[in-house]
PDB file of N, CA and C in Angstrom:
ATOM      1  N   UNK A   1      17.789  -2.450 -11.205  1.00  0.00           N
ATOM      2  CA  UNK A   1      16.960  -1.810 -12.369  1.00  0.00           C
ATOM      3  C   UNK A   1      15.901  -0.876 -11.454  1.00  0.00           C
ATOM      4  N   UNK A   2      15.769   0.622 -11.734  1.00  0.00           N
ATOM      5  CA  UNK A   2      14.720   0.893 -10.739  1.00  0.00           C
ATOM      6  C   UNK A   2      13.340   0.997 -11.439  1.00  0.00           C
ATOM      7  N   UNK A   3      12.220   1.173 -10.852  1.00  0.00           N
ATOM      8  CA  UNK A   3      11.173   0.862 -11.322  1.00  0.00           C
ATOM      9  C   UNK A   3      10.583   2.274 -11.831  1.00  0.00           C
ATOM     10  N   UNK A   4       9.411   2.165 -12.994  1.00  0.00           N
ATOM     11  CA  UNK A   4       8.833   3.514 -13.416  1.00  0.00           C
ATOM     12  C   UNK A   4       8.257   4.173 -12.274  1.00  0.00           C
ATOM     13  N   UNK A   5       8.640   5.581 -12.084  1.00  0.00           N
ATOM     14  CA  UNK A   5       7.669   6.417 -11.474  1.00  0.00           C
ATOM     15  C   UNK A   5       6.675   6.525 -12.245  1.00  0.00           C
ATOM     16  N   UNK A   6       5.280   6.667 -11.338  1.00  0.00           N
ATOM     17  CA  UNK A   6       4.000   6.340 -11.860  1.00  0.00           C
ATOM     18  C   UNK A   6       3.206   7.875 -11.699  1.00  0.00           C
ATOM     19  N   UNK A   7       2.545   8.532 -12.913  1.00  0.00           N
ATOM     20  CA  UNK A   7       2.149   9.895 -12.632  1.00  0.00           C
ATOM     21  C   UNK A   7       1.017   9.978 -12.026  1.00  0.00           C
ATOM     22  N   UNK A   8       0.586  11.324 -11.518  1.00  0.00           N
ATOM     23  CA  UNK A   8      -0.354  11.378 -10.590  1.00  0.00           C
ATOM     24  C   UNK A   8      -1.824  11.047 -11.476  1.00  0.00           C
ATOM     25  N   UNK A   9      -1.819  11.126 -12.565  1.00  0.00           N
ATOM     26  CA  UNK A   9      -3.106  10.921 -13.536  1.00  0.00           C
ATOM     27  C   UNK A   9      -3.254   9.182 -13.280  1.00  0.00           C
ATOM     28  N   UNK A  10      -2.185   8.527 -13.591  1.00  0.00           N
ATOM     29  CA  UNK A  10      -2.185   7.095 -13.590  1.00  0.00           C
ATOM     30  C   UNK A  10      -2.458   6.497 -12.296  1.00  0.00           C
ATOM     31  N   UNK A  11      -2.200   7.116 -11.231  1.00  0.00           N
ATOM     32  CA  UNK A  11      -2.571   6.836  -9.541  1.00  0.00           C
ATOM     33  C   UNK A  11      -4.070   7.117  -9.688  1.00  0.00           C
ATOM     34  N   UNK A  12      -4.309   8.090 -10.016  1.00  0.00           N
ATOM     35  CA  UNK A  12      -5.925   8.729  -9.790  1.00  0.00           C
ATOM     36  C   UNK A  12      -6.756   7.452 -10.726  1.00  0.00           C
ATOM     37  N   UNK A  13      -6.495   7.128 -11.775  1.00  0.00           N
ATOM     38  CA  UNK A  13      -7.056   6.169 -12.646  1.00  0.00           C
ATOM     39  C   UNK A  13      -7.087   4.686 -12.104  1.00  0.00           C
ATOM     40  N   UNK A  14      -6.009   4.356 -11.730  1.00  0.00           N
ATOM     41  CA  UNK A  14      -5.996   2.761 -11.482  1.00  0.00           C
ATOM     42  C   UNK A  14      -6.128   2.701  -9.926  1.00  0.00           C
ATOM     43  N   UNK A  15      -5.815   3.477  -9.108  1.00  0.00           N
ATOM     44  CA  UNK A  15      -6.225   3.437  -7.535  1.00  0.00           C
ATOM     45  C   UNK A  15      -7.144   4.404  -7.163  1.00  0.00           C
ATOM     46  N   UNK A  16      -8.261   4.002  -7.449  1.00  0.00           N
ATOM     47  CA  UNK A  16      -9.286   5.139  -6.955  1.00  0.00           C
ATOM     48  C   UNK A  16      -9.725   5.176  -5.497  1.00  0.00           C
ATOM     49  N   UNK A  17      -9.335   4.426  -4.732  1.00  0.00           N
ATOM     50  CA  UNK A  17      -9.680   4.111  -3.226  1.00  0.00           C
ATOM     51  C   UNK A  17      -8.195   4.514  -2.692  1.00  0.00           C
ATOM     52  N   UNK A  18      -7.419   4.795  -3.138  1.00  0.00           N
ATOM     53  CA  UNK A  18      -5.987   5.024  -2.532  1.00  0.00           C
ATOM     54  C   UNK A  18      -5.769   6.665  -2.561  1.00  0.00           C
ATOM     55  N   UNK A  19      -5.378   7.337  -1.755  1.00  0.00           N
ATOM     56  CA  UNK A  19      -5.319   8.751  -1.891  1.00  0.00           C
ATOM     57  C   UNK A  19      -3.602   9.169  -2.033  1.00  0.00           C
ATOM     58  N   UNK A  20      -3.194  10.016  -2.931  1.00  0.00           N
ATOM     59  CA  UNK A  20      -1.950  10.758  -2.952  1.00  0.00           C
ATOM     60  C   UNK A  20      -1.533  11.534  -2.029  1.00  0.00           C
ATOM     61  N   UNK A  21      -0.557  11.337  -1.248  1.00  0.00           N
ATOM     62  CA  UNK A  21      -0.072  12.272  -0.414  1.00  0.00           C
ATOM     63  C   UNK A  21       1.444  12.458  -0.519  1.00  0.00           C
ATOM     64  N   UNK A  22       1.843  13.604  -0.898  1.00  0.00           N
ATOM     65  CA  UNK A  22       3.233  13.987  -0.946  1.00  0.00           C
ATOM     66  C   UNK A  22       3.948  12.695  -1.796  1.00  0.00           C
ATOM     67  N   UNK A  23       4.842  11.982  -1.428  1.00  0.00           N
ATOM     68  CA  UNK A  23       5.756  11.050  -2.555  1.00  0.00           C
ATOM     69  C   UNK A  23       4.991   9.885  -2.255  1.00  0.00           C
ATOM     70  N   UNK A  24       3.626   9.592  -1.810  1.00  0.00           N
ATOM     71  CA  UNK A  24       3.191   8.363  -1.406  1.00  0.00           C
ATOM     72  C   UNK A  24       1.994   8.097  -1.770  1.00  0.00           C
ATOM     73  N   UNK A  25       1.244   6.831  -1.700  1.00  0.00           N
ATOM     74  CA  UNK A  25      -0.071   6.785  -1.945  1.00  0.00           C
ATOM     75  C   UNK A  25      -0.626   5.896  -0.515  1.00  0.00           C
ATOM     76  N   UNK A  26      -1.638   6.190   0.331  1.00  0.00           N
ATOM     77  CA  UNK A  26      -2.271   5.944   1.453  1.00  0.00           C
ATOM     78  C   UNK A  26      -3.604   5.670   1.433  1.00  0.00           C
ATOM     79  N   UNK A  27      -3.907   4.261   2.128  1.00  0.00           N
ATOM     80  CA  UNK A  27      -5.186   4.152   2.497  1.00  0.00           C
ATOM     81  C   UNK A  27      -5.506   3.500   3.912  1.00  0.00           C
ATOM     82  N   UNK A  28      -6.665   3.933   4.648  1.00  0.00           N
ATOM     83  CA  UNK A  28      -6.878   3.219   5.877  1.00  0.00           C
ATOM     84  C   UNK A  28      -7.814   2.210   5.722  1.00  0.00           C
ATOM     85  N   UNK A  29      -7.754   0.846   6.374  1.00  0.00           N
ATOM     86  CA  UNK A  29      -8.700  -0.045   6.231  1.00  0.00           C
ATOM     87  C   UNK A  29      -9.233  -0.290   7.733  1.00  0.00           C
ATOM     88  N   UNK A  30     -10.496  -0.540   7.505  1.00  0.00           N
ATOM     89  CA  UNK A  30     -11.238  -0.621   9.006  1.00  0.00           C
ATOM     90  C   UNK A  30     -12.037  -2.051   9.281  1.00  0.00           C
ATOM     91  N   UNK A  31     -11.752  -2.756  10.179  1.00  0.00           N
ATOM     92  CA  UNK A  31     -12.194  -4.198  10.451  1.00  0.00           C
ATOM     93  C   UNK A  31     -13.330  -4.026  11.429  1.00  0.00           C
ATOM     94  N   UNK A  32     -13.648  -5.286  11.840  1.00  0.00           N
ATOM     95  CA  UNK A  32     -14.549  -5.159  12.849  1.00  0.00           C
ATOM     96  C   UNK A  32     -13.921  -5.562  14.346  1.00  0.00           C
ATOM     97  N   UNK A  33     -12.599  -6.287  14.242  1.00  0.00           N
ATOM     98  CA  UNK A  33     -11.944  -6.253  15.569  1.00  0.00           C
ATOM     99  C   UNK A  33     -10.639  -6.335  15.167  1.00  0.00           C
ATOM    100  N   UNK A  34      -9.671  -6.287  16.204  1.00  0.00           N
ATOM    101  CA  UNK A  34      -8.061  -6.534  16.064  1.00  0.00           C
ATOM    102  C   UNK A  34      -7.965  -7.767  15.493  1.00  0.00           C
ATOM    103  N   UNK A  35      -8.320  -8.742  15.786  1.00  0.00           N
ATOM    104  CA  UNK A  35      -7.788 -10.015  15.300  1.00  0.00           C
ATOM    105  C   UNK A  35      -8.024  -9.851  13.474  1.00  0.00           C
ATOM    106  N   UNK A  36      -9.081  -9.424  13.395  1.00  0.00           N
ATOM    107  CA  UNK A  36      -9.455  -9.248  11.729  1.00  0.00           C
ATOM    108  C   UNK A  36      -8.217  -8.333  11.022  1.00  0.00           C
ATOM    109  N   UNK A  37      -8.118  -7.296  11.770  1.00  0.00           N
ATOM    110  CA  UNK A  37      -6.933  -6.364  11.145  1.00  0.00           C
ATOM    111  C   UNK A  37      -5.519  -7.064  11.225  1.00  0.00           C
ATOM    112  N   UNK A  38      -5.232  -7.672  12.058  1.00  0.00           N
ATOM    113  CA  UNK A  38      -4.237  -8.441  12.404  1.00  0.00           C
ATOM    114  C   UNK A  38      -3.727  -9.729  11.214  1.00  0.00           C
ATOM    115  N   UNK A  39      -5.013 -10.271  11.126  1.00  0.00           N
ATOM    116  CA  UNK A  39      -5.282 -11.297   9.910  1.00  0.00           C
ATOM    117  C   UNK A  39      -4.950 -10.743   8.601  1.00  0.00           C
ATOM    118  N   UNK A  40      -5.365  -9.718   8.360  1.00  0.00           N
ATOM    119  CA  UNK A  40      -5.368  -8.911   6.991  1.00  0.00           C
ATOM    120  C   UNK A  40      -3.717  -8.366   7.056  1.00  0.00           C
ATOM    121  N   UNK A  41      -3.062  -7.750   7.813  1.00  0.00           N
ATOM    122  CA  UNK A  41      -1.835  -7.234   8.090  1.00  0.00           C
ATOM    123  C   UNK A  41      -0.610  -8.641   7.710  1.00  0.00           C
ATOM    124  N   UNK A  42      -1.082  -9.789   7.940  1.00  0.00           N
ATOM    125  CA  UNK A  42      -0.502 -10.962   7.825  1.00  0.00           C
ATOM    126  C   UNK A  42      -0.315 -11.546   6.537  1.00  0.00           C
ATOM    127  N   UNK A  43      -1.302 -11.218   5.804  1.00  0.00           N
ATOM    128  CA  UNK A  43      -1.861 -11.544   4.532  1.00  0.00           C
ATOM    129  C   UNK A  43      -1.054 -10.555   3.490  1.00  0.00           C
ATOM    130  N   UNK A  44      -1.162  -9.230   4.077  1.00  0.00           N
ATOM    131  CA  UNK A  44      -0.293  -8.129   3.045  1.00  0.00           C
ATOM    132  C   UNK A  44       1.126  -8.317   3.404  1.00  0.00           C
ATOM    133  N   UNK A  45       1.624  -8.881   4.613  1.00  0.00           N
ATOM    134  CA  UNK A  45       3.050  -9.088   4.907  1.00  0.00           C
ATOM    135  C   UNK A  45       3.573 -10.289   3.851  1.00  0.00           C
ATOM    136  N   UNK A  46       2.814 -11.323   4.048  1.00  0.00           N
ATOM    137  CA  UNK A  46       3.159 -12.404   2.906  1.00  0.00           C
ATOM    138  C   UNK A  46       3.537 -11.858   1.375  1.00  0.00           C
ATOM    139  N   UNK A  47       2.367 -11.064   0.733  1.00  0.00           N
ATOM    140  CA  UNK A  47       2.580 -10.437  -0.113  1.00  0.00           C
ATOM    141  C   UNK A  47       3.745  -9.533  -0.543  1.00  0.00           C
ATOM    142  N   UNK A  48       4.106  -8.625   0.283  1.00  0.00           N
ATOM    143  CA  UNK A  48       5.197  -7.945   0.557  1.00  0.00           C
ATOM    144  C   UNK A  48       6.431  -8.583   0.392  1.00  0.00           C
ATOM    145  N   UNK A  49       6.630  -9.465   1.329  1.00  0.00           N
ATOM    146  CA  UNK A  49       7.843 -10.366   1.442  1.00  0.00           C
ATOM    147  C   UNK A  49       8.251 -11.071  -0.153  1.00  0.00           C
ATOM    148  N   UNK A  50       7.227 -11.384  -0.787  1.00  0.00           N
ATOM    149  CA  UNK A  50       7.130 -12.143  -2.079  1.00  0.00           C
ATOM    150  C   UNK A  50       7.549 -11.186  -2.992  1.00  0.00           C
ATOM    151  N   UNK A  51       7.253  -9.962  -2.873  1.00  0.00           N
ATOM    152  CA  UNK A  51       7.765  -8.694  -3.860  1.00  0.00           C
ATOM    153  C   UNK A  51       8.858  -8.134  -3.431  1.00  0.00           C
ATOM    154  N   UNK A  52       9.418  -8.241  -2.185  1.00  0.00           N
ATOM    155  CA  UNK A  52      10.484  -7.497  -1.607  1.00  0.00           C
ATOM    156  C   UNK A  52      10.294  -6.123  -1.930  1.00  0.00           C
ATOM    157  N   UNK A  53       9.259  -5.635  -1.369  1.00  0.00           N
ATOM    158  CA  UNK A  53       8.778  -4.364  -1.382  1.00  0.00           C
ATOM    159  C   UNK A  53       7.727  -4.188  -0.294  1.00  0.00           C
ATOM    160  N   UNK A  54       8.031  -3.263   1.044  1.00  0.00           N
ATOM    161  CA  UNK A  54       7.607  -3.083   2.191  1.00  0.00           C
ATOM    162  C   UNK A  54       6.709  -1.840   2.229  1.00  0.00           C
ATOM    163  N   UNK A  55       5.918  -1.822   3.005  1.00  0.00           N
ATOM    164  CA  UNK A  55       4.916  -0.687   3.192  1.00  0.00           C
ATOM    165  C   UNK A  55       5.443  -0.086   4.532  1.00  0.00           C
ATOM    166  N   UNK A  56       5.035   1.226   4.672  1.00  0.00           N
ATOM    167  CA  UNK A  56       4.892   1.886   5.984  1.00  0.00           C
ATOM    168  C   UNK A  56       3.687   1.835   6.611  1.00  0.00           C
ATOM    169  N   UNK A  57       3.528   1.162   7.817  1.00  0.00           N
ATOM    170  CA  UNK A  57       1.967   0.943   8.055  1.00  0.00           C
ATOM    171  C   UNK A  57       2.109   1.263   9.715  1.00  0.00           C
ATOM    172  N   UNK A  58       0.662   1.334  10.234  1.00  0.00           N
ATOM    173  CA  UNK A  58       0.429   1.472  11.521  1.00  0.00           C
ATOM    174  C   UNK A  58      -1.224   0.669  11.591  1.00  0.00           C
ATOM    175  N   UNK A  59      -1.247   0.175  12.851  1.00  0.00           N
ATOM    176  CA  UNK A  59      -2.416  -0.692  13.276  1.00  0.00           C
ATOM    177  C   UNK A  59      -2.888  -0.025  14.689  1.00  0.00           C
ATOM    178  N   UNK A  60      -4.311   0.490  14.736  1.00  0.00           N
ATOM    179  CA  UNK A  60      -4.596   0.763  15.960  1.00  0.00           C
ATOM    180  C   UNK A  60      -6.232   0.015  16.029  1.00  0.00           C
ATOM    181  N   UNK A  61      -6.073  -1.155  17.038  1.00  0.00           N
ATOM    182  CA  UNK A  61      -7.149  -1.954  17.196  1.00  0.00           C
ATOM    183  C   UNK A  61      -7.613  -2.310  15.721  1.00  0.00           C
ATOM    184  N   UNK A  62      -8.901  -1.818  15.140  1.00  0.00           N
ATOM    185  CA  UNK A  62      -9.742  -2.326  14.155  1.00  0.00           C
ATOM    186  C   UNK A  62      -9.387  -1.681  12.859  1.00  0.00           C
ATOM    187  N   UNK A  63      -7.991  -0.553  12.921  1.00  0.00           N
ATOM    188  CA  UNK A  63      -7.805   0.200  11.575  1.00  0.00           C
ATOM    189  C   UNK A  63      -6.273  -0.113  11.199  1.00  0.00           C
ATOM    190  N   UNK A  64      -5.887  -0.483  10.118  1.00  0.00           N
ATOM    191  CA  UNK A  64      -4.563  -0.480   9.638  1.00  0.00           C
ATOM    192  C   UNK A  64      -4.451   0.404   8.390  1.00  0.00           C
ATOM    193  N   UNK A  65      -3.467   1.278   8.663  1.00  0.00           N
ATOM    194  CA  UNK A  65      -3.181   2.634   8.053  1.00  0.00           C
ATOM    195  C   UNK A  65      -1.942   2.172   6.955  1.00  0.00           C
ATOM    196  N   UNK A  66      -1.887   2.153   5.819  1.00  0.00           N
ATOM    197  CA  UNK A  66      -0.745   1.545   4.945  1.00  0.00           C
ATOM    198  C   UNK A  66      -0.476   2.885   4.092  1.00  0.00           C
ATOM    199  N   UNK A  67       0.568   3.108   4.003  1.00  0.00           N
ATOM    200  CA  UNK A  67       1.476   4.020   3.031  1.00  0.00           C
ATOM    201  C   UNK A  67       2.589   3.493   2.308  1.00  0.00           C
ATOM    202  N   UNK A  68       2.414   3.619   0.932  1.00  0.00           N
ATOM    203  CA  UNK A  68       3.520   3.136  -0.125  1.00  0.00           C
ATOM    204  C   UNK A  68       4.373   4.083  -0.797  1.00  0.00           C
ATOM    205  N   UNK A  69       5.438   3.852  -0.764  1.00  0.00           N
ATOM    206  CA  UNK A  69       6.217   4.925  -1.513  1.00  0.00           C
ATOM    207  C   UNK A  69       7.976   3.796  -1.832  1.00  0.00           C
ATOM    208  N   UNK A  70       8.133   4.070  -2.697  1.00  0.00           N
ATOM    209  CA  UNK A  70       9.530   3.356  -3.235  1.00  0.00           C
ATOM    210  C   UNK A  70      10.630   4.316  -2.419  1.00  0.00           C
ATOM    211  N   UNK A  71      11.135   4.017  -1.780  1.00  0.00           N
ATOM    212  CA  UNK A  71      12.081   5.317  -0.768  1.00  0.00           C
ATOM    213  C   UNK A  71      13.446   5.619  -1.547  1.00  0.00           C
ATOM    214  N   UNK A  72      13.784   4.433  -2.031  1.00  0.00           N
ATOM    215  CA  UNK A  72      15.253   5.081  -2.904  1.00  0.00           C
ATOM    216  C   UNK A  72      14.840   5.845  -4.207  1.00  0.00           C
ATOM    217  N   UNK A  73      13.636   6.065  -4.480  1.00  0.00           N
ATOM    218  CA  UNK A  73      13.372   6.948  -5.689  1.00  0.00           C
ATOM    219  C   UNK A  73      12.525   8.036  -5.086  1.00  0.00           C
ATOM    220  N   UNK A  74      12.259   8.231  -3.541  1.00  0.00           N
ATOM    221  CA  UNK A  74      11.148   9.082  -3.206  1.00  0.00           C
ATOM    222  C   UNK A  74      10.128   9.407  -4.068  1.00  0.00           C
ATOM    223  N   UNK A  75       9.365   8.551  -4.521  1.00  0.00           N
ATOM    224  CA  UNK A  75       8.352   8.637  -5.438  1.00  0.00           C
ATOM    225  C   UNK A  75       7.577   7.240  -5.355  1.00  0.00           C
ATOM    226  N   UNK A  76       6.351   7.387  -5.976  1.00  0.00           N
ATOM    227  CA  UNK A  76       5.198   6.298  -6.277  1.00  0.00           C
ATOM    228  C   UNK A  76       5.769   5.557  -7.646  1.00  0.00           C
ATOM    229  N   UNK A  77       5.898   4.334  -7.416  1.00  0.00           N
ATOM    230  CA  UNK A  77       6.616   3.510  -8.585  1.00  0.00           C
ATOM    231  C   UNK A  77       5.664   2.452  -8.886  1.00  0.00           C
ATOM    232  N   UNK A  78       5.868   1.889 -10.035  1.00  0.00           N
ATOM    233  CA  UNK A  78       5.061   0.869 -10.377  1.00  0.00           C
ATOM    234  C   UNK A  78       4.972  -0.298  -9.484  1.00  0.00           C
ATOM    235  N   UNK A  79       6.079  -0.592  -8.507  1.00  0.00           N
ATOM    236  CA  UNK A  79       5.983  -1.573  -7.576  1.00  0.00           C
ATOM    237  C   UNK A  79       4.937  -1.108  -6.607  1.00  0.00           C
ATOM    238  N   UNK A  80       4.986   0.135  -6.382  1.00  0.00           N
ATOM    239  CA  UNK A  80       3.734   0.390  -5.098  1.00  0.00           C
ATOM    240  C   UNK A  80       2.258   0.188  -5.914  1.00  0.00           C
ATOM    241  N   UNK A  81       2.034   0.579  -6.816  1.00  0.00           N
ATOM    242  CA  UNK A  81       0.763   0.326  -7.771  1.00  0.00           C
ATOM    243  C   UNK A  81       0.519  -0.898  -7.974  1.00  0.00           C
ATOM    244  N   UNK A  82       1.591  -1.945  -7.898  1.00  0.00           N
ATOM    245  CA  UNK A  82       1.224  -3.415  -7.847  1.00  0.00           C
ATOM    246  C   UNK A  82       0.923  -3.825  -6.631  1.00  0.00           C
ATOM    247  N   UNK A  83       1.771  -3.202  -5.546  1.00  0.00           N
ATOM    248  CA  UNK A  83       1.344  -3.938  -4.412  1.00  0.00           C
ATOM    249  C   UNK A  83      -0.058  -3.217  -3.540  1.00  0.00           C
ATOM    250  N   UNK A  84      -0.577  -1.965  -4.158  1.00  0.00           N
ATOM    251  CA  UNK A  84      -1.457  -1.430  -3.846  1.00  0.00           C
ATOM    252  C   UNK A  84      -3.021  -2.290  -4.568  1.00  0.00           C
ATOM    253  N   UNK A  85      -2.509  -2.953  -5.507  1.00  0.00           N
ATOM    254  CA  UNK A  85      -3.581  -3.488  -6.285  1.00  0.00           C
ATOM    255  C   UNK A  85      -3.687  -4.985  -5.762  1.00  0.00           C
ATOM    256  N   UNK A  86      -2.739  -5.572  -5.379  1.00  0.00           N
ATOM    257  CA  UNK A  86      -2.752  -6.863  -4.569  1.00  0.00           C
ATOM    258  C   UNK A  86      -3.387  -6.665  -3.333  1.00  0.00           C
ATOM    259  N   UNK A  87      -2.896  -5.654  -2.462  1.00  0.00           N
ATOM    260  CA  UNK A  87      -3.802  -5.191  -1.229  1.00  0.00           C
ATOM    261  C   UNK A  87      -5.139  -5.027  -1.602  1.00  0.00           C
ATOM    262  N   UNK A  88      -5.638  -4.685  -2.317  1.00  0.00           N
ATOM    263  CA  UNK A  88      -6.893  -4.344  -2.491  1.00  0.00           C
ATOM    264  C   UNK A  88      -7.640  -5.544  -2.934  1.00  0.00           C
ATOM    265  N   UNK A  89      -7.083  -6.648  -3.663  1.00  0.00           N
ATOM    266  CA  UNK A  89      -7.598  -7.704  -3.852  1.00  0.00           C
ATOM    267  C   UNK A  89      -7.995  -8.518  -2.527  1.00  0.00           C
ATOM    268  N   UNK A  90      -7.410  -8.276  -1.462  1.00  0.00           N
ATOM    269  CA  UNK A  90      -7.716  -9.274  -0.074  1.00  0.00           C
ATOM    270  C   UNK A  90      -8.982  -8.784   0.120  1.00  0.00           C
TER     271      UNK A  90
END
């Protein structure tokens, strides 16, 4: 069963701090140091595994850049929205 594709308006309304770019939503998180950034990534990884939905992300020292897209639909779906909201709660 495919997840529902999210409209641009719904993304803007529900994910104020995430930016829509092409067929994904993106956000960069900045921390005080590498360890704190890595701890954050570990927490995100646990959520992703539980949801079976995984980000494209990079880490450079104290910054973590996350991009979410449902690859098999080439769009932002409810899964991405739910994952972004869970990440924001961290």
